[in-house]
């Protein structure tokens, strides 16, 4: 499964920080995606606030307001 190969580098940055960086830059990288995936797959449930921010982030992605880069 892909989640097992996620880099440990993003463990050092909170999902909130990743989301703020994505929104501020208007770009999402593979590392950003992996960090958010790791947070979502973590055994600890996401807070309501983080879930809301994540939903809005994916809405922006679907609307074409974020550029996907590597």
N, C-alpha and C. Protein backbone atom coordinates (compact mmCIF):
# COMPACT_ATOMS: atom_id res chain seq x y z
N UNK A 1 0.83 -1.18 0.00
CA UNK A 1 0.00 0.00 0.00
C UNK A 1 0.88 1.24 0.00
N UNK A 2 0.48 2.29 -0.65
CA UNK A 2 1.25 3.51 -0.80
C UNK A 2 1.59 4.15 0.54
N UNK A 3 0.70 4.09 1.51
CA UNK A 3 0.91 4.75 2.80
C UNK A 3 2.17 4.24 3.49
N UNK A 4 2.55 2.99 3.25
CA UNK A 4 3.73 2.44 3.89
C UNK A 4 5.02 3.03 3.34
N UNK A 5 4.97 3.63 2.14
CA UNK A 5 6.17 4.17 1.53
C UNK A 5 6.29 5.69 1.70
N UNK A 6 5.43 6.27 2.51
CA UNK A 6 5.45 7.71 2.71
C UNK A 6 6.71 8.11 3.46
N UNK A 7 7.33 9.16 2.98
CA UNK A 7 8.58 9.64 3.57
C UNK A 7 8.38 10.10 5.00
N UNK A 8 9.35 9.83 5.84
CA UNK A 8 9.29 10.27 7.23
C UNK A 8 9.58 11.76 7.38
N UNK A 9 10.02 12.41 6.30
CA UNK A 9 10.36 13.83 6.38
C UNK A 9 9.16 14.68 6.77
N UNK A 10 7.98 14.30 6.34
CA UNK A 10 6.82 15.14 6.64
C UNK A 10 6.30 14.91 8.05
N UNK A 11 6.80 13.93 8.75
CA UNK A 11 6.38 13.70 10.13
C UNK A 11 6.79 14.85 11.03
N UNK A 12 7.77 15.62 10.61
CA UNK A 12 8.29 16.71 11.43
C UNK A 12 7.48 17.99 11.28
N UNK A 13 6.53 18.02 10.35
CA UNK A 13 5.73 19.21 10.09
C UNK A 13 4.27 18.86 10.32
N UNK A 14 3.55 19.74 11.02
CA UNK A 14 2.14 19.46 11.31
C UNK A 14 1.30 19.60 10.04
N UNK A 15 0.20 18.85 9.97
CA UNK A 15 -0.70 18.99 8.82
C UNK A 15 -1.20 20.42 8.65
N UNK A 16 -1.41 21.12 9.75
CA UNK A 16 -1.87 22.51 9.69
C UNK A 16 -0.84 23.38 8.96
N UNK A 17 0.44 23.14 9.27
CA UNK A 17 1.51 23.90 8.62
C UNK A 17 1.54 23.59 7.12
N UNK A 18 1.39 22.32 6.77
CA UNK A 18 1.39 21.91 5.36
C UNK A 18 0.24 22.59 4.62
N UNK A 19 -0.94 22.61 5.22
CA UNK A 19 -2.10 23.22 4.58
C UNK A 19 -1.88 24.72 4.40
N UNK A 20 -1.36 25.39 5.42
CA UNK A 20 -1.09 26.83 5.30
C UNK A 20 -0.08 27.11 4.19
N UNK A 21 0.96 26.27 4.10
CA UNK A 21 1.97 26.45 3.06
C UNK A 21 1.37 26.26 1.67
N UNK A 22 0.51 25.25 1.52
CA UNK A 22 -0.12 24.99 0.22
C UNK A 22 -1.00 26.16 -0.19
N UNK A 23 -1.83 26.63 0.72
CA UNK A 23 -2.74 27.73 0.41
C UNK A 23 -1.95 29.01 0.10
N UNK A 24 -0.90 29.27 0.87
CA UNK A 24 -0.10 30.49 0.65
C UNK A 24 0.62 30.47 -0.69
N UNK A 25 1.12 29.29 -1.08
CA UNK A 25 1.89 29.21 -2.33
C UNK A 25 1.01 28.95 -3.55
N UNK A 26 -0.18 28.39 -3.31
CA UNK A 26 -1.05 28.04 -4.43
C UNK A 26 -0.59 26.79 -5.15
N UNK A 27 0.33 26.04 -4.50
CA UNK A 27 0.88 24.83 -5.12
C UNK A 27 0.90 23.70 -4.11
N UNK A 28 0.71 22.48 -4.60
CA UNK A 28 0.80 21.28 -3.76
C UNK A 28 1.80 20.33 -4.40
N UNK A 29 2.72 19.84 -3.59
CA UNK A 29 3.75 18.92 -4.08
C UNK A 29 3.40 17.48 -3.69
N UNK A 30 4.15 16.57 -4.22
CA UNK A 30 3.97 15.16 -3.86
C UNK A 30 4.24 14.96 -2.37
N UNK A 31 5.23 15.65 -1.84
CA UNK A 31 5.55 15.54 -0.41
C UNK A 31 4.40 16.08 0.43
N UNK A 32 3.82 17.22 0.00
CA UNK A 32 2.66 17.77 0.71
C UNK A 32 1.52 16.76 0.73
N UNK A 33 1.24 16.17 -0.44
CA UNK A 33 0.17 15.18 -0.55
C UNK A 33 0.44 14.01 0.39
N UNK A 34 1.68 13.53 0.41
CA UNK A 34 2.03 12.39 1.25
C UNK A 34 1.88 12.73 2.74
N UNK A 35 2.24 13.95 3.11
CA UNK A 35 2.10 14.37 4.51
C UNK A 35 0.64 14.39 4.93
N UNK A 36 -0.22 14.92 4.06
CA UNK A 36 -1.65 14.95 4.38
C UNK A 36 -2.24 13.55 4.41
N UNK A 37 -1.78 12.69 3.50
CA UNK A 37 -2.24 11.30 3.50
C UNK A 37 -1.82 10.59 4.78
N UNK A 38 -0.59 10.83 5.20
CA UNK A 38 -0.10 10.21 6.43
C UNK A 38 -0.93 10.67 7.63
N UNK A 39 -1.26 11.96 7.69
CA UNK A 39 -2.08 12.48 8.78
C UNK A 39 -3.47 11.85 8.76
N UNK A 40 -4.03 11.68 7.57
CA UNK A 40 -5.37 11.10 7.46
C UNK A 40 -5.38 9.63 7.85
N UNK A 41 -4.28 8.94 7.59
CA UNK A 41 -4.22 7.50 7.88
C UNK A 41 -3.73 7.22 9.30
N UNK A 42 -3.32 8.24 10.00
CA UNK A 42 -2.87 8.11 11.37
C UNK A 42 -4.01 7.58 12.23
N UNK A 43 -3.68 6.85 13.26
CA UNK A 43 -4.71 6.28 14.13
C UNK A 43 -5.48 7.34 14.91
N UNK A 44 -4.88 8.50 15.12
CA UNK A 44 -5.55 9.59 15.82
C UNK A 44 -6.48 10.31 14.85
N UNK A 45 -7.75 10.42 15.18
CA UNK A 45 -8.68 11.10 14.26
C UNK A 45 -8.31 12.57 14.08
N UNK A 46 -8.57 13.09 12.89
CA UNK A 46 -8.32 14.50 12.64
C UNK A 46 -9.34 15.34 13.39
N UNK A 47 -8.91 16.49 13.85
CA UNK A 47 -9.83 17.40 14.53
C UNK A 47 -10.84 17.93 13.51
N UNK A 48 -11.95 18.44 14.01
CA UNK A 48 -12.98 19.00 13.13
C UNK A 48 -12.40 20.16 12.33
N UNK A 49 -11.57 20.97 12.98
CA UNK A 49 -10.97 22.12 12.29
C UNK A 49 -10.04 21.66 11.16
N UNK A 50 -9.20 20.66 11.44
CA UNK A 50 -8.29 20.16 10.42
C UNK A 50 -9.05 19.49 9.28
N UNK A 51 -10.11 18.78 9.61
CA UNK A 51 -10.95 18.17 8.58
C UNK A 51 -11.55 19.24 7.68
N UNK A 52 -12.02 20.34 8.28
CA UNK A 52 -12.60 21.45 7.52
C UNK A 52 -11.56 22.08 6.61
N UNK A 53 -10.35 22.32 7.13
CA UNK A 53 -9.28 22.91 6.32
C UNK A 53 -8.91 21.98 5.16
N UNK A 54 -8.85 20.70 5.42
CA UNK A 54 -8.51 19.73 4.39
C UNK A 54 -9.58 19.69 3.31
N UNK A 55 -10.84 19.74 3.71
CA UNK A 55 -11.94 19.75 2.74
C UNK A 55 -11.85 20.99 1.85
N UNK A 56 -11.60 22.14 2.47
CA UNK A 56 -11.49 23.38 1.68
C UNK A 56 -10.28 23.33 0.75
N UNK A 57 -9.20 22.68 1.19
CA UNK A 57 -8.02 22.54 0.35
C UNK A 57 -8.34 21.70 -0.89
N UNK A 58 -9.04 20.59 -0.69
CA UNK A 58 -9.40 19.75 -1.83
C UNK A 58 -10.42 20.44 -2.73
N UNK A 59 -11.29 21.26 -2.16
CA UNK A 59 -12.21 22.07 -2.98
C UNK A 59 -11.41 23.01 -3.88
N UNK A 60 -10.40 23.66 -3.32
CA UNK A 60 -9.55 24.56 -4.11
C UNK A 60 -8.83 23.79 -5.21
N UNK A 61 -8.40 22.59 -4.91
CA UNK A 61 -7.73 21.76 -5.91
C UNK A 61 -8.68 21.41 -7.05
N UNK A 62 -9.91 21.02 -6.71
CA UNK A 62 -10.90 20.67 -7.73
C UNK A 62 -11.30 21.87 -8.59
N UNK A 63 -11.27 23.07 -8.01
CA UNK A 63 -11.63 24.29 -8.74
C UNK A 63 -10.48 24.79 -9.60
N UNK A 64 -9.32 24.16 -9.49
CA UNK A 64 -8.17 24.58 -10.27
C UNK A 64 -7.43 25.75 -9.66
N UNK A 65 -7.64 26.01 -8.37
CA UNK A 65 -6.99 27.13 -7.72
C UNK A 65 -5.62 26.76 -7.16
N UNK A 66 -5.28 25.48 -7.21
CA UNK A 66 -3.96 25.01 -6.77
C UNK A 66 -3.26 24.35 -7.94
N UNK A 67 -1.98 24.58 -8.05
CA UNK A 67 -1.17 23.95 -9.09
C UNK A 67 -0.47 22.73 -8.48
N UNK A 68 -0.53 21.60 -9.15
CA UNK A 68 0.12 20.37 -8.68
C UNK A 68 1.53 20.35 -9.29
N UNK A 69 2.53 20.31 -8.41
CA UNK A 69 3.93 20.30 -8.85
C UNK A 69 4.69 19.18 -8.17
N UNK A 70 5.82 18.80 -8.74
CA UNK A 70 6.69 17.79 -8.12
C UNK A 70 7.93 18.40 -7.58
